[in-house]
């Protein structure tokens, strides 16, 4: 039972980490695009 809790906890942690990484990637790409547009204009 205890091992099961550790197993699910680690899976949830990995899923949350992936979601955060994807979210940050979108944020960074938006910043890069807006920065590039400012340089072009």
C-alpha atoms as a PDB file:
ATOM      1  CA  UNK A   1       0.000   0.000   0.000  1.00  0.00           C
ATOM      2  CA  UNK A   2       2.784   2.407   0.925  1.00  0.00           C
ATOM      3  CA  UNK A   3       4.648   1.649  -2.321  1.00  0.00           C
ATOM      4  CA  UNK A   4       1.458   2.357  -4.257  1.00  0.00           C
ATOM      5  CA  UNK A   5       1.194   5.821  -2.686  1.00  0.00           C
ATOM      6  CA  UNK A   6       4.829   6.541  -3.585  1.00  0.00           C
ATOM      7  CA  UNK A   7       4.187   5.299  -7.152  1.00  0.00           C
ATOM      8  CA  UNK A   8       1.160   7.573  -7.671  1.00  0.00           C
ATOM      9  CA  UNK A   9       2.904  10.487  -5.967  1.00  0.00           C
ATOM     10  CA  UNK A  10       5.859  10.241  -8.332  1.00  0.00           C
ATOM     11  CA  UNK A  11       3.577   9.982 -11.386  1.00  0.00           C
ATOM     12  CA  UNK A  12       1.620  13.063 -10.278  1.00  0.00           C
ATOM     13  CA  UNK A  13       4.881  14.934  -9.666  1.00  0.00           C
ATOM     14  CA  UNK A  14       6.149  14.065 -13.165  1.00  0.00           C
ATOM     15  CA  UNK A  15       2.846  15.146 -14.766  1.00  0.00           C
ATOM     16  CA  UNK A  16       2.885  18.472 -12.901  1.00  0.00           C
ATOM     17  CA  UNK A  17       6.533  19.053 -13.904  1.00  0.00           C
ATOM     18  CA  UNK A  18       5.728  18.395 -17.586  1.00  0.00           C
ATOM     19  CA  UNK A  19       2.733  20.764 -17.469  1.00  0.00           C
ATOM     20  CA  UNK A  20       4.874  23.505 -15.887  1.00  0.00           C
ATOM     21  CA  UNK A  21       7.650  23.016 -18.485  1.00  0.00           C
ATOM     22  CA  UNK A  22       5.151  23.222 -21.382  1.00  0.00           C
ATOM     23  CA  UNK A  23       3.518  26.330 -19.835  1.00  0.00           C
ATOM     24  CA  UNK A  24       6.893  28.027 -19.401  1.00  0.00           C
ATOM     25  CA  UNK A  25       7.819  27.108 -22.982  1.00  0.00           C
ATOM     26  CA  UNK A  26       4.694  28.855 -24.273  1.00  0.00           C
ATOM     27  CA  UNK A  27       5.428  31.909 -22.127  1.00  0.00           C
ATOM     28  CA  UNK A  28       9.021  32.122 -23.371  1.00  0.00           C
ATOM     29  CA  UNK A  29       8.012  31.727 -27.033  1.00  0.00           C
ATOM     30  CA  UNK A  30       5.408  34.497 -26.627  1.00  0.00           C
ATOM     31  CA  UNK A  31       8.042  36.770 -25.076  1.00  0.00           C
ATOM     32  CA  UNK A  32      10.491  36.004 -27.897  1.00  0.00           C
ATOM     33  CA  UNK A  33       7.835  36.757 -30.550  1.00  0.00           C
ATOM     34  CA  UNK A  34       6.800  40.064 -28.977  1.00  0.00           C
ATOM     35  CA  UNK A  35      10.468  41.021 -28.531  1.00  0.00           C
ATOM     36  CA  UNK A  36      11.195  40.236 -32.194  1.00  0.00           C
ATOM     37  CA  UNK A  37       8.210  42.331 -33.302  1.00  0.00           C
ATOM     38  CA  UNK A  38       9.472  45.303 -31.243  1.00  0.00           C
ATOM     39  CA  UNK A  39      12.885  45.006 -32.904  1.00  0.00           C
ATOM     40  CA  UNK A  40      11.352  44.861 -36.390  1.00  0.00           C
ATOM     41  CA  UNK A  41       9.122  47.942 -35.988  1.00  0.00           C
END
